[in-house]
């Protein structure tokens, strides 16, 4: 499973690929399913001890009643902890699922160089032609500048007394 590079918050998927994030979320879903199974098991256990409390109470077996209440309380504490864990896992999974579309969108970002090449190809030009054209334009521009400078110098010489 891909590690969460975000650090402390396990529900922050920043820096993960969409596929890696889905795999990471699947791990949380697996844990959630195991937690749900544990809750069902503890609910059955709690019901069993509640029945034993009622039985001990109806028979007047105070020593068994105290033991049954102690066991029932222990099971209920474990059950409450698992129910809190289940709620936290559901919240984390929900938060992570909301991030996956954004991760997938970042993977589809546009490569500017590739886009430029595709546009040049669509125009029937290659990058070399474009570089060559730019070099000639620069030379032509420099030549025109040199000609203008020479013309200005000659005018200044003619107008000088």
Protein backbone atom coordinates (compact mmCIF):
# COMPACT_ATOMS: atom_id res chain seq x y z
CA UNK A 1 0.00 0.00 0.00
CA UNK A 2 1.29 3.48 -0.90
CA UNK A 3 2.28 5.49 2.13
CA UNK A 4 0.58 8.76 2.93
CA UNK A 5 3.22 11.44 2.46
CA UNK A 6 1.13 14.07 4.23
CA UNK A 7 2.43 13.13 7.67
CA UNK A 8 0.11 13.33 10.67
CA UNK A 9 -3.39 13.40 9.12
CA UNK A 10 -4.09 9.99 7.59
CA UNK A 11 -7.06 11.36 5.63
CA UNK A 12 -4.92 13.92 3.74
CA UNK A 13 -3.97 12.37 0.40
CA UNK A 14 -1.81 15.25 -0.88
CA UNK A 15 1.05 14.03 -3.01
CA UNK A 16 -0.48 10.66 -3.81
CA UNK A 17 -1.51 9.41 -7.22
CA UNK A 18 -5.20 8.71 -7.77
CA UNK A 19 -4.51 4.97 -8.04
CA UNK A 20 -2.36 5.04 -4.89
CA UNK A 21 -5.03 6.99 -3.05
CA UNK A 22 -7.69 4.45 -4.02
CA UNK A 23 -5.49 1.63 -2.74
CA UNK A 24 -4.87 3.57 0.49
CA UNK A 25 -8.62 4.13 0.94
CA UNK A 26 -9.25 0.43 0.31
CA UNK A 27 -7.04 -0.31 3.32
CA UNK A 28 -9.26 1.93 5.46
CA UNK A 29 -12.40 0.27 4.08
CA UNK A 30 -10.97 -3.14 4.97
CA UNK A 31 -10.29 -1.92 8.50
CA UNK A 32 -13.84 -0.51 8.65
CA UNK A 33 -15.32 -3.88 7.63
CA UNK A 34 -13.28 -5.68 10.29
CA UNK A 35 -14.39 -3.08 12.85
CA UNK A 36 -18.04 -3.60 11.86
CA UNK A 37 -17.58 -7.36 12.27
CA UNK A 38 -16.05 -6.77 15.72
CA UNK A 39 -19.01 -4.55 16.67
CA UNK A 40 -21.51 -7.25 15.67
CA UNK A 41 -19.57 -9.79 17.71
CA UNK A 42 -19.49 -7.50 20.76
CA UNK A 43 -23.20 -6.70 20.37
CA UNK A 44 -23.92 -10.43 20.49
CA UNK A 45 -21.64 -10.73 23.53
CA UNK A 46 -23.40 -7.78 25.23
CA UNK A 47 -26.80 -9.36 24.57
CA UNK A 48 -25.57 -12.65 26.06
CA UNK A 49 -24.39 -10.91 29.26
CA UNK A 50 -27.62 -8.89 29.48
CA UNK A 51 -29.53 -12.19 29.37
CA UNK A 52 -27.28 -13.60 32.10
CA UNK A 53 -27.85 -10.50 34.26
CA UNK A 54 -31.60 -10.94 33.88
CA UNK A 55 -31.31 -14.65 34.69
CA UNK A 56 -29.14 -14.06 37.79
CA UNK A 57 -31.51 -11.31 38.96
CA UNK A 58 -34.60 -13.51 38.51
CA UNK A 59 -32.97 -16.38 40.42
CA UNK A 60 -31.64 -14.20 43.20
CA UNK A 61 -28.01 -15.20 42.54
CA UNK A 62 -26.36 -11.99 43.73
CA UNK A 63 -22.80 -13.30 43.33
CA UNK A 64 -23.46 -14.29 39.70
CA UNK A 65 -25.32 -11.02 39.14
CA UNK A 66 -22.27 -8.97 40.17
CA UNK A 67 -19.97 -10.99 37.90
CA UNK A 68 -22.40 -10.74 34.97
CA UNK A 69 -22.72 -6.96 35.44
CA UNK A 70 -18.93 -6.64 35.55
CA UNK A 71 -18.55 -8.64 32.30
CA UNK A 72 -21.39 -6.73 30.63
CA UNK A 73 -19.74 -3.40 31.54
CA UNK A 74 -16.41 -4.58 30.12
CA UNK A 75 -18.06 -5.67 26.87
CA UNK A 76 -19.99 -2.38 26.62
CA UNK A 77 -16.78 -0.35 27.08
CA UNK A 78 -15.12 -2.31 24.26
CA UNK A 79 -18.24 -1.90 22.14
CA UNK A 80 -18.33 1.87 22.65
CA UNK A 81 -14.65 2.14 21.70
CA UNK A 82 -15.21 0.17 18.49
CA UNK A 83 -18.26 2.27 17.63
CA UNK A 84 -16.16 5.44 18.02
CA UNK A 85 -13.47 3.90 15.82
CA UNK A 86 -16.12 3.01 13.24
CA UNK A 87 -17.41 6.58 13.17
CA UNK A 88 -13.86 7.96 12.81
CA UNK A 89 -13.07 5.53 9.98
CA UNK A 90 -16.28 6.46 8.14
CA UNK A 91 -15.42 10.17 8.45
CA UNK A 92 -11.84 9.59 7.22
CA UNK A 93 -12.98 7.46 4.29
CA UNK A 94 -15.53 10.09 3.32
CA UNK A 95 -12.91 12.86 3.50
CA UNK A 96 -10.45 10.82 1.44
CA UNK A 97 -13.02 9.91 -1.22
CA UNK A 98 -13.75 13.61 -1.75
CA UNK A 99 -10.04 14.18 -2.54
CA UNK A 100 -9.66 11.50 -5.23
CA UNK A 101 -11.22 13.51 -8.12
CA UNK A 102 -8.79 16.35 -7.43
CA UNK A 103 -5.84 13.96 -7.46
CA UNK A 104 -7.01 12.48 -10.75
CA UNK A 105 -7.42 15.98 -12.22
CA UNK A 106 -3.85 16.91 -11.29
CA UNK A 107 -2.60 13.84 -13.13
CA UNK A 108 -4.33 15.08 -16.27
CA UNK A 109 -2.64 18.50 -16.15
CA UNK A 110 -1.38 20.00 -19.40
CA UNK A 111 2.27 19.78 -20.38
CA UNK A 112 3.02 23.19 -21.94
CA UNK A 113 5.96 21.93 -24.03
CA UNK A 114 3.92 19.05 -25.41
CA UNK A 115 1.05 21.42 -26.21
CA UNK A 116 3.43 23.78 -28.06
CA UNK A 117 4.81 20.88 -30.11
CA UNK A 118 1.29 19.70 -30.97
CA UNK A 119 0.29 23.22 -32.06
CA UNK A 120 3.41 23.59 -34.20
CA UNK A 121 2.75 20.21 -35.80
CA UNK A 122 -0.87 21.20 -36.46
CA UNK A 123 0.43 24.31 -38.25
CA UNK A 124 2.76 22.13 -40.30
CA UNK A 125 5.91 23.42 -38.65
CA UNK A 126 8.51 21.78 -36.49
CA UNK A 127 10.40 23.27 -33.58
CA UNK A 128 13.61 23.48 -35.67
CA UNK A 129 11.81 25.53 -38.31
CA UNK A 130 10.46 27.76 -35.63
CA UNK A 131 13.94 28.27 -34.12
CA UNK A 132 15.37 28.93 -37.59
CA UNK A 133 12.66 31.44 -38.39
CA UNK A 134 13.27 33.20 -35.10
CA UNK A 135 17.01 33.37 -35.81
CA UNK A 136 16.43 34.89 -39.27
CA UNK A 137 13.92 37.39 -37.92
CA UNK A 138 16.47 38.46 -35.33
CA UNK A 139 19.15 38.87 -38.02
CA UNK A 140 16.75 40.80 -40.25
CA UNK A 141 15.77 43.02 -37.35
CA UNK A 142 19.43 43.58 -36.43
CA UNK A 143 20.22 44.36 -40.09
CA UNK A 144 17.37 46.85 -40.31
CA UNK A 145 18.59 48.47 -37.11
CA UNK A 146 22.13 48.71 -38.48
CA UNK A 147 20.84 50.27 -41.74
CA UNK A 148 18.78 52.81 -39.83
CA UNK A 149 21.78 53.68 -37.67
CA UNK A 150 24.01 54.19 -40.75
CA UNK A 151 21.33 56.38 -42.38
CA UNK A 152 21.10 58.49 -39.22
CA UNK A 153 24.90 58.86 -39.08
CA UNK A 154 25.05 59.98 -42.70
CA UNK A 155 22.28 62.55 -42.14
CA UNK A 156 24.12 63.90 -39.13
CA UNK A 157 27.32 64.21 -41.15
CA UNK A 158 25.53 66.05 -43.97
CA UNK A 159 23.80 68.46 -41.62
CA UNK A 160 26.93 69.18 -39.62
CA UNK A 161 28.69 72.52 -40.63
